[in-house]
Every structure is written in structure tokens, then in C-alpha cells.
Amino acid sequence: MHQAQRNTPSASPVVEVLEMEMVEDTVEVVEDMEVVEILEKVLVVVNMVEVEDMEVVEQVLVVVVVEQVVVVVEQVLVALVVLEQVLAVVEQVLVVVEQVVAVVEQVLVVVVVVEQVLVVLAVVEQVVVVVEQVLVVVVVVEQVLMVVVEQVLVVVNMVEVEYM
């Protein structure tokens, strides 16, 4: 009876794959070992028991495939949750980076102010040099004036002596 069903033209592609015993090719295509193990068990049951209604086998295979799709979808959902958490961390890192950039901008403003203060200090230093030079001139003028005053006093004394 099993042989008769193999030759029926109305067999579905899933049943044809099972009946042709292309398990090895199927295993190469399927990467998930859990799916391979389940399919192997289904094939063993199909080969051991003479199944009269191949639709039952097809339904079992559909259930197995649907279960695996559900597992994959669950894994994708978990991956999406993880991705969402990673994106949240990336957003927090971006906030910190923005704060660091703001601090660096403030430091740059301070550097500009310090540069301006250094320019002012250079000008003050030049003013101090000029003031020192003026003080030297004042000291020289004072000494000259003292000499002139002494000379004037000498002349005044001489004139006083002559008129007396």
C-alpha cells in the first residue's frame, strides 16, 4: 500500500521529498541542528509506520516548521529588544559626548581669554620698561638740577659777597 502511494501523481512536494529519501540534501540546506533532528525523527516514523494518509505527515511537518518559525521569530524579537537596549546606550553615550564637547568649547573660550590676558601682560611689561626708563631720566634730571642749583647758589653767594 505504501508503494502505491509513492507513485500517485497527487503527492505533495513535501511527501515526494520524504519518499525519495533526500534527507542528506535536506540536512545540508538546513543549518539549525534542532530542525534537522526533528525532521530525522519524523522521517524515521514515516519509514517505520505505513502511513495511509500522507496529509497527516504533511500536517506534522507543517506543525514542525511553524514551531521552528515561531522559535526564530522569538529569537528575532529578543534580538530586537537587545538592539533597542544597545541603541539606548548609544543615545546615552551621545549625550555624554555632547556634554564633553560643551566643556571643551568652554575650555577653548577660557584659552582665548588667557591669550588676551597674556597680550595685556605683554603690554604692561612694555609699560613697566618705559616707566623704568622714565625713572632713569628723572634721576638724571634730578642730579643735573642739583648740580645746577648748587652752581646757582655758588653764583648767588659770589654775587652777594661782591655787593656786600
N, C-alpha and C. Protein backbone atom coordinates (compact mmCIF):
# COMPACT_ATOMS: atom_id res chain seq x y z
N MET A 1 0.83 -1.19 0.00
CA MET A 1 0.00 0.00 0.00
C MET A 1 0.86 1.24 0.00
N HIS A 2 1.95 1.20 0.73
CA HIS A 2 2.87 2.34 0.81
C HIS A 2 3.50 2.59 -0.56
N GLN A 3 3.79 1.51 -1.28
CA GLN A 3 4.39 1.65 -2.61
C GLN A 3 3.42 2.29 -3.57
N ALA A 4 2.18 2.00 -3.45
CA ALA A 4 1.18 2.55 -4.36
C ALA A 4 1.07 4.05 -4.16
N GLN A 5 1.19 4.50 -2.94
CA GLN A 5 1.08 5.94 -2.69
C GLN A 5 2.29 6.67 -3.24
N ARG A 6 3.40 6.05 -3.30
CA ARG A 6 4.60 6.74 -3.80
C ARG A 6 4.45 7.09 -5.26
N ASN A 7 3.72 6.30 -5.99
CA ASN A 7 3.60 6.52 -7.43
C ASN A 7 2.41 7.39 -7.79
N THR A 8 1.66 7.84 -6.82
CA THR A 8 0.49 8.65 -7.14
C THR A 8 0.93 10.05 -7.53
N PRO A 9 0.35 10.59 -8.60
CA PRO A 9 0.75 11.93 -9.06
C PRO A 9 0.25 13.04 -8.15
N SER A 10 -0.66 12.77 -7.24
CA SER A 10 -1.21 13.82 -6.40
C SER A 10 -0.40 14.05 -5.13
N ALA A 11 0.74 13.38 -4.97
CA ALA A 11 1.56 13.55 -3.76
C ALA A 11 2.15 14.96 -3.74
N SER A 12 2.17 15.55 -2.55
CA SER A 12 2.68 16.92 -2.43
C SER A 12 4.20 16.92 -2.50
N PRO A 13 4.83 18.10 -2.73
CA PRO A 13 6.30 18.17 -2.79
C PRO A 13 6.95 17.73 -1.49
N VAL A 14 6.32 18.01 -0.34
CA VAL A 14 6.91 17.60 0.94
C VAL A 14 6.95 16.08 1.02
N VAL A 15 5.87 15.42 0.61
CA VAL A 15 5.82 13.96 0.66
C VAL A 15 6.81 13.37 -0.33
N GLU A 16 6.94 13.99 -1.52
CA GLU A 16 7.89 13.49 -2.51
C GLU A 16 9.31 13.54 -1.95
N VAL A 17 9.66 14.64 -1.26
CA VAL A 17 10.99 14.75 -0.69
C VAL A 17 11.20 13.66 0.35
N LEU A 18 10.19 13.43 1.18
CA LEU A 18 10.31 12.38 2.19
C LEU A 18 10.43 11.00 1.55
N GLU A 19 9.61 10.75 0.53
CA GLU A 19 9.59 9.42 -0.07
C GLU A 19 10.83 9.15 -0.90
N MET A 20 11.47 10.16 -1.44
CA MET A 20 12.69 9.96 -2.22
C MET A 20 13.90 9.82 -1.32
N GLU A 21 13.69 9.96 -0.03
CA GLU A 21 14.75 9.84 0.97
C GLU A 21 15.93 10.78 0.67
N MET A 22 15.60 12.05 0.49
CA MET A 22 16.62 13.06 0.24
C MET A 22 17.00 13.76 1.54
N VAL A 23 17.10 12.96 2.57
CA VAL A 23 17.41 13.51 3.89
C VAL A 23 18.77 14.19 3.88
N GLU A 24 19.74 13.59 3.22
CA GLU A 24 21.09 14.16 3.22
C GLU A 24 21.10 15.54 2.59
N ASP A 25 20.43 15.70 1.44
CA ASP A 25 20.36 17.02 0.80
C ASP A 25 19.64 18.02 1.69
N THR A 26 18.59 17.57 2.35
CA THR A 26 17.82 18.45 3.23
C THR A 26 18.69 18.89 4.40
N VAL A 27 19.47 17.97 4.94
CA VAL A 27 20.33 18.28 6.09
C VAL A 27 21.36 19.33 5.68
N GLU A 28 21.90 19.23 4.47
CA GLU A 28 22.89 20.21 4.03
C GLU A 28 22.29 21.61 3.92
N VAL A 29 21.02 21.69 3.52
CA VAL A 29 20.39 23.00 3.36
C VAL A 29 20.03 23.60 4.71
N VAL A 30 19.56 22.78 5.63
CA VAL A 30 19.10 23.27 6.92
C VAL A 30 20.30 23.44 7.84
N GLU A 31 20.46 24.63 8.39
CA GLU A 31 21.61 24.91 9.26
C GLU A 31 21.29 24.67 10.73
N ASP A 32 20.05 24.79 11.11
CA ASP A 32 19.67 24.65 12.51
C ASP A 32 19.59 23.16 12.84
N MET A 33 20.46 22.69 13.73
CA MET A 33 20.52 21.27 14.03
C MET A 33 19.26 20.76 14.72
N GLU A 34 18.57 21.61 15.44
CA GLU A 34 17.32 21.17 16.07
C GLU A 34 16.30 20.79 15.01
N VAL A 35 16.21 21.58 13.95
CA VAL A 35 15.27 21.29 12.86
C VAL A 35 15.66 19.98 12.19
N VAL A 36 16.97 19.78 11.98
CA VAL A 36 17.43 18.55 11.34
C VAL A 36 17.05 17.34 12.19
N GLU A 37 17.27 17.45 13.49
CA GLU A 37 16.94 16.33 14.37
C GLU A 37 15.45 16.02 14.33
N ILE A 38 14.62 17.04 14.34
CA ILE A 38 13.16 16.83 14.31
C ILE A 38 12.76 16.18 12.99
N LEU A 39 13.32 16.68 11.88
CA LEU A 39 12.98 16.10 10.57
C LEU A 39 13.44 14.64 10.48
N GLU A 40 14.59 14.34 11.03
CA GLU A 40 15.06 12.95 11.02
C GLU A 40 14.12 12.04 11.79
N LYS A 41 13.64 12.53 12.94
CA LYS A 41 12.69 11.73 13.74
C LYS A 41 11.40 11.51 12.97
N VAL A 42 10.91 12.56 12.31
CA VAL A 42 9.67 12.42 11.52
C VAL A 42 9.90 11.40 10.40
N LEU A 43 11.05 11.47 9.74
CA LEU A 43 11.34 10.52 8.65
C LEU A 43 11.41 9.09 9.16
N VAL A 44 12.00 8.90 10.33
CA VAL A 44 12.07 7.55 10.91
C VAL A 44 10.66 7.03 11.16
N VAL A 45 9.81 7.88 11.70
CA VAL A 45 8.42 7.45 11.97
C VAL A 45 7.71 7.13 10.66
N VAL A 46 7.91 7.99 9.64
CA VAL A 46 7.25 7.76 8.35
C VAL A 46 7.74 6.46 7.73
N ASN A 47 9.02 6.19 7.81
CA ASN A 47 9.57 4.98 7.21
C ASN A 47 9.17 3.72 8.00
N MET A 48 9.01 3.83 9.31
CA MET A 48 8.68 2.66 10.12
C MET A 48 7.20 2.31 10.05
N VAL A 49 6.38 3.29 9.97
CA VAL A 49 4.93 3.05 10.01
C VAL A 49 4.39 3.26 8.60
N GLU A 50 3.53 2.39 8.21
CA GLU A 50 2.93 2.56 6.90
C GLU A 50 1.79 3.55 7.04
N VAL A 51 2.00 4.72 6.51
CA VAL A 51 1.01 5.78 6.67
C VAL A 51 0.09 5.74 5.46
N GLU A 52 -1.17 5.66 5.75
CA GLU A 52 -2.12 5.62 4.65
C GLU A 52 -2.54 7.02 4.25
N ASP A 53 -2.55 7.94 5.19
CA ASP A 53 -2.98 9.30 4.87
C ASP A 53 -1.75 10.21 4.95
N MET A 54 -1.18 10.56 3.82
CA MET A 54 0.01 11.40 3.79
C MET A 54 -0.28 12.83 4.24
N GLU A 55 -1.54 13.20 4.25
CA GLU A 55 -1.89 14.54 4.72
C GLU A 55 -1.51 14.71 6.20
N VAL A 56 -1.59 13.63 6.97
CA VAL A 56 -1.21 13.67 8.37
C VAL A 56 0.29 14.00 8.48
N VAL A 57 1.08 13.36 7.63
CA VAL A 57 2.52 13.61 7.62
C VAL A 57 2.78 15.07 7.25
N GLU A 58 2.06 15.53 6.24
CA GLU A 58 2.22 16.92 5.83
C GLU A 58 1.86 17.87 6.97
N GLN A 59 0.78 17.57 7.67
CA GLN A 59 0.37 18.42 8.79
C GLN A 59 1.42 18.41 9.90
N VAL A 60 1.99 17.23 10.17
CA VAL A 60 3.03 17.15 11.19
C VAL A 60 4.23 18.00 10.77
N LEU A 61 4.60 17.90 9.52
CA LEU A 61 5.73 18.69 9.03
C LEU A 61 5.43 20.19 9.09
N VAL A 62 4.20 20.55 8.75
CA VAL A 62 3.81 21.96 8.82
C VAL A 62 3.89 22.45 10.26
N VAL A 63 3.42 21.62 11.19
CA VAL A 63 3.50 22.00 12.61
C VAL A 63 4.95 22.17 13.03
N VAL A 64 5.82 21.25 12.61
CA VAL A 64 7.24 21.33 12.96
C VAL A 64 7.84 22.60 12.39
N VAL A 65 7.54 22.88 11.13
CA VAL A 65 8.08 24.10 10.50
C VAL A 65 7.54 25.34 11.18
N VAL A 66 6.26 25.34 11.49
CA VAL A 66 5.67 26.50 12.17
C VAL A 66 6.31 26.70 13.54
N GLU A 67 6.54 25.61 14.26
CA GLU A 67 7.20 25.72 15.57
C GLU A 67 8.59 26.33 15.42
N GLN A 68 9.31 25.90 14.39
CA GLN A 68 10.65 26.45 14.18
C GLN A 68 10.58 27.92 13.78
N VAL A 69 9.58 28.28 12.98
CA VAL A 69 9.41 29.69 12.61
C VAL A 69 9.10 30.52 13.85
N VAL A 70 8.28 29.98 14.74
CA VAL A 70 7.97 30.69 15.99
C VAL A 70 9.23 30.88 16.82
N VAL A 71 10.07 29.84 16.88
CA VAL A 71 11.33 29.96 17.63
C VAL A 71 12.20 31.05 17.01
N VAL A 72 12.29 31.04 15.69
CA VAL A 72 13.11 32.07 15.01
C VAL A 72 12.54 33.46 15.25
N VAL A 73 11.23 33.60 15.18
CA VAL A 73 10.60 34.91 15.42
C VAL A 73 10.85 35.36 16.86
N GLU A 74 10.77 34.42 17.81
CA GLU A 74 11.07 34.77 19.20
C GLU A 74 12.52 35.24 19.34
N GLN A 75 13.43 34.55 18.65
CA GLN A 75 14.83 34.97 18.70
C GLN A 75 15.03 36.35 18.08
N VAL A 76 14.31 36.60 16.99
CA VAL A 76 14.38 37.92 16.35
C VAL A 76 13.85 38.99 17.30
N LEU A 77 12.76 38.69 18.00
CA LEU A 77 12.20 39.65 18.96
C LEU A 77 13.19 39.93 20.09
N VAL A 78 13.83 38.87 20.58
CA VAL A 78 14.85 39.06 21.62
C VAL A 78 15.99 39.92 21.07
N ALA A 79 16.40 39.64 19.84
CA ALA A 79 17.47 40.43 19.23
C ALA A 79 17.05 41.88 19.09
N LEU A 80 15.78 42.11 18.77
CA LEU A 80 15.29 43.50 18.65
C LEU A 80 15.30 44.20 20.01
N VAL A 81 14.95 43.48 21.06
CA VAL A 81 15.00 44.07 22.40
C VAL A 81 16.43 44.42 22.76
N VAL A 82 17.35 43.51 22.46
CA VAL A 82 18.76 43.77 22.73
C VAL A 82 19.23 44.97 21.91
N LEU A 83 18.83 45.02 20.65
CA LEU A 83 19.20 46.15 19.79
C LEU A 83 18.65 47.46 20.34
N GLU A 84 17.42 47.41 20.85
CA GLU A 84 16.83 48.60 21.45
C GLU A 84 17.64 49.06 22.67
N GLN A 85 18.08 48.11 23.47
CA GLN A 85 18.91 48.45 24.64
C GLN A 85 20.25 49.03 24.20
N VAL A 86 20.82 48.44 23.15
CA VAL A 86 22.09 48.97 22.63
C VAL A 86 21.88 50.40 22.13
N LEU A 87 20.79 50.64 21.44
CA LEU A 87 20.52 52.00 20.95
C LEU A 87 20.33 52.98 22.11
N ALA A 88 19.71 52.52 23.18
CA ALA A 88 19.56 53.39 24.36
C ALA A 88 20.93 53.74 24.94
N VAL A 89 21.81 52.76 25.00
CA VAL A 89 23.16 53.02 25.50
C VAL A 89 23.89 53.99 24.56
N VAL A 90 23.73 53.79 23.26
CA VAL A 90 24.37 54.68 22.29
C VAL A 90 23.84 56.10 22.46
N GLU A 91 22.55 56.25 22.70
CA GLU A 91 21.98 57.58 22.93
C GLU A 91 22.59 58.21 24.18
N GLN A 92 22.76 57.43 25.24
CA GLN A 92 23.38 57.96 26.46
C GLN A 92 24.82 58.37 26.19
N VAL A 93 25.53 57.57 25.42
CA VAL A 93 26.91 57.91 25.07
C VAL A 93 26.94 59.22 24.28
N LEU A 94 25.99 59.39 23.36
CA LEU A 94 25.93 60.63 22.58
C LEU A 94 25.66 61.83 23.48
N VAL A 95 24.82 61.66 24.48
CA VAL A 95 24.56 62.76 25.42
C VAL A 95 25.85 63.13 26.15
N VAL A 96 26.59 62.11 26.59
CA VAL A 96 27.85 62.37 27.29
C VAL A 96 28.84 63.06 26.34
N VAL A 97 28.89 62.61 25.10
CA VAL A 97 29.80 63.22 24.12
C VAL A 97 29.42 64.68 23.91
N GLU A 98 28.12 64.97 23.82
CA GLU A 98 27.68 66.36 23.67
C GLU A 98 28.12 67.20 24.87
N GLN A 99 28.02 66.63 26.06
CA GLN A 99 28.45 67.36 27.26
C GLN A 99 29.95 67.60 27.23
N VAL A 100 30.70 66.61 26.80
CA VAL A 100 32.16 66.77 26.70
C VAL A 100 32.49 67.86 25.68
N VAL A 101 31.79 67.87 24.56
CA VAL A 101 32.01 68.89 23.55
C VAL A 101 31.71 70.28 24.13
N ALA A 102 30.64 70.39 24.91
CA ALA A 102 30.31 71.68 25.53
C ALA A 102 31.42 72.12 26.48
N VAL A 103 31.95 71.19 27.25
CA VAL A 103 33.04 71.53 28.18
C VAL A 103 34.28 71.95 27.40
N VAL A 104 34.59 71.24 26.33
CA VAL A 104 35.75 71.60 25.51
C VAL A 104 35.57 72.99 24.92
N GLU A 105 34.36 73.31 24.48
CA GLU A 105 34.09 74.65 23.95
C GLU A 105 34.33 75.71 25.03
N GLN A 106 33.90 75.43 26.25
CA GLN A 106 34.13 76.38 27.34
C GLN A 106 35.62 76.51 27.64
N VAL A 107 36.34 75.41 27.58
CA VAL A 107 37.79 75.46 27.80
C VAL A 107 38.44 76.31 26.71
N LEU A 108 37.97 76.17 25.49
CA LEU A 108 38.52 76.97 24.40
C LEU A 108 38.27 78.46 24.63
N VAL A 109 37.09 78.79 25.16
CA VAL A 109 36.80 80.19 25.49
C VAL A 109 37.78 80.68 26.56
N VAL A 110 38.03 79.86 27.56
CA VAL A 110 38.98 80.22 28.61
C VAL A 110 40.38 80.40 28.02
N VAL A 111 40.76 79.56 27.09
CA VAL A 111 42.07 79.68 26.45
C VAL A 111 42.18 81.00 25.71
N VAL A 112 41.12 81.39 25.02
CA VAL A 112 41.12 82.67 24.31
C VAL A 112 41.27 83.82 25.30
N VAL A 113 40.55 83.74 26.42
CA VAL A 113 40.66 84.79 27.44
C VAL A 113 42.08 84.83 28.01
N VAL A 114 42.67 83.68 28.27
CA VAL A 114 44.03 83.63 28.79
C VAL A 114 45.00 84.24 27.78
N GLU A 115 44.81 83.94 26.50
CA GLU A 115 45.66 84.55 25.47
C GLU A 115 45.53 86.06 25.50
N GLN A 116 44.32 86.58 25.65
CA GLN A 116 44.12 88.03 25.71
C GLN A 116 44.79 88.61 26.96
N VAL A 117 44.70 87.89 28.08
CA VAL A 117 45.37 88.35 29.31
C VAL A 117 46.87 88.38 29.09
N LEU A 118 47.41 87.39 28.41
CA LEU A 118 48.85 87.37 28.12
C LEU A 118 49.26 88.55 27.25
N VAL A 119 48.41 88.91 26.29
CA VAL A 119 48.69 90.09 25.47
C VAL A 119 48.71 91.34 26.33
N VAL A 120 47.72 91.46 27.23
CA VAL A 120 47.66 92.62 28.13
C VAL A 120 48.91 92.64 29.02
N LEU A 121 49.31 91.48 29.53
CA LEU A 121 50.52 91.43 30.38
C LEU A 121 51.76 91.83 29.59
N ALA A 122 51.84 91.49 28.33
CA ALA A 122 52.97 91.90 27.50
C ALA A 122 52.99 93.42 27.35
N VAL A 123 51.80 94.00 27.18
CA VAL A 123 51.71 95.47 27.09
C VAL A 123 52.11 96.09 28.42
N VAL A 124 51.65 95.53 29.52
CA VAL A 124 52.00 96.05 30.85
C VAL A 124 53.52 95.95 31.05
N GLU A 125 54.11 94.87 30.60
CA GLU A 125 55.56 94.71 30.71
C GLU A 125 56.29 95.81 29.94
N GLN A 126 55.78 96.11 28.76
CA GLN A 126 56.39 97.20 27.97
C GLN A 126 56.23 98.54 28.68
N VAL A 127 55.06 98.74 29.29
CA VAL A 127 54.83 99.99 30.05
C VAL A 127 55.80 100.06 31.21
N VAL A 128 56.03 98.96 31.90
CA VAL A 128 56.96 98.94 33.03
C VAL A 128 58.37 99.31 32.54
N VAL A 129 58.78 98.78 31.41
CA VAL A 129 60.10 99.11 30.85
C VAL A 129 60.19 100.61 30.57
N VAL A 130 59.13 101.17 29.99
CA VAL A 130 59.11 102.61 29.69
C VAL A 130 59.16 103.40 30.99
N VAL A 131 58.41 102.99 31.99
CA VAL A 131 58.40 103.70 33.29
C VAL A 131 59.79 103.64 33.91
N GLU A 132 60.46 102.49 33.83
CA GLU A 132 61.82 102.36 34.35
C GLU A 132 62.75 103.35 33.64
N GLN A 133 62.58 103.43 32.32
CA GLN A 133 63.42 104.37 31.56
C GLN A 133 63.12 105.82 31.96
N VAL A 134 61.84 106.12 32.17
CA VAL A 134 61.46 107.47 32.60
C VAL A 134 62.06 107.75 33.98
N LEU A 135 62.04 106.76 34.87
CA LEU A 135 62.63 106.96 36.20
C LEU A 135 64.13 107.22 36.11
N VAL A 136 64.81 106.54 35.20
CA VAL A 136 66.23 106.79 35.00
C VAL A 136 66.44 108.23 34.52
N VAL A 137 65.60 108.66 33.61
CA VAL A 137 65.69 110.04 33.11
C VAL A 137 65.42 111.01 34.25
N VAL A 138 64.42 110.72 35.09
CA VAL A 138 64.09 111.60 36.21
C VAL A 138 65.27 111.69 37.16
N VAL A 139 65.91 110.57 37.45
CA VAL A 139 67.07 110.58 38.35
C VAL A 139 68.19 111.44 37.74
N VAL A 140 68.44 111.27 36.45
CA VAL A 140 69.47 112.06 35.77
C VAL A 140 69.11 113.53 35.81
N VAL A 141 67.86 113.86 35.53
CA VAL A 141 67.41 115.26 35.57
C VAL A 141 67.56 115.81 36.99
N GLU A 142 67.22 115.01 37.99
CA GLU A 142 67.36 115.45 39.38
C GLU A 142 68.82 115.77 39.70
N GLN A 143 69.70 114.89 39.26
CA GLN A 143 71.13 115.13 39.52
C GLN A 143 71.61 116.39 38.79
N VAL A 144 71.16 116.53 37.56
CA VAL A 144 71.55 117.73 36.81
C VAL A 144 71.00 118.98 37.50
N LEU A 145 69.76 118.91 37.94
CA LEU A 145 69.16 120.07 38.62
C LEU A 145 69.89 120.37 39.92
N MET A 146 70.30 119.35 40.63
CA MET A 146 71.05 119.57 41.88
C MET A 146 72.37 120.28 41.58
N VAL A 147 73.00 119.82 40.53
CA VAL A 147 74.26 120.47 40.14
C VAL A 147 73.99 121.92 39.75
N VAL A 148 72.93 122.13 38.98
CA VAL A 148 72.59 123.50 38.54
C VAL A 148 72.25 124.34 39.76
N VAL A 149 71.49 123.82 40.69
CA VAL A 149 71.11 124.58 41.88
C VAL A 149 72.37 124.92 42.68
N GLU A 150 73.25 123.97 42.84
CA GLU A 150 74.50 124.23 43.57
C GLU A 150 75.30 125.34 42.87
N GLN A 151 75.35 125.26 41.56
CA GLN A 151 76.08 126.28 40.80
C GLN A 151 75.42 127.65 40.98
N VAL A 152 74.08 127.62 40.93
CA VAL A 152 73.35 128.88 41.11
C VAL A 152 73.62 129.41 42.50
N LEU A 153 73.63 128.56 43.49
CA LEU A 153 73.89 129.01 44.86
C LEU A 153 75.32 129.57 44.98
N VAL A 154 76.22 128.93 44.32
CA VAL A 154 77.59 129.44 44.35
C VAL A 154 77.63 130.83 43.71
N VAL A 155 76.97 130.96 42.60
CA VAL A 155 76.95 132.27 41.93
C VAL A 155 76.25 133.29 42.80
N VAL A 156 75.15 132.91 43.41
CA VAL A 156 74.41 133.84 44.27
C VAL A 156 75.30 134.25 45.44
N ASN A 157 76.00 133.34 46.01
CA ASN A 157 76.90 133.65 47.12
C ASN A 157 78.01 134.59 46.66
N MET A 158 78.51 134.34 45.50
CA MET A 158 79.57 135.20 45.00
C MET A 158 79.04 136.61 44.74
N VAL A 159 77.86 136.66 44.21
CA VAL A 159 77.27 137.97 43.93
C VAL A 159 76.97 138.65 45.26
N GLU A 160 76.56 137.98 46.19
CA GLU A 160 76.23 138.54 47.49
C GLU A 160 77.50 139.06 48.16
N VAL A 161 78.49 138.31 48.02
CA VAL A 161 79.77 138.72 48.63
C VAL A 161 80.25 140.00 47.92
N GLU A 162 80.14 140.12 46.70
CA GLU A 162 80.60 141.29 45.97
C GLU A 162 79.77 142.52 46.33
N TYR A 163 78.58 142.38 46.57
CA TYR A 163 77.73 143.53 46.88
C TYR A 163 77.77 143.89 48.33
N MET A 164 78.34 143.19 49.07
CA MET A 164 78.36 143.49 50.49
C MET A 164 79.53 144.27 50.81
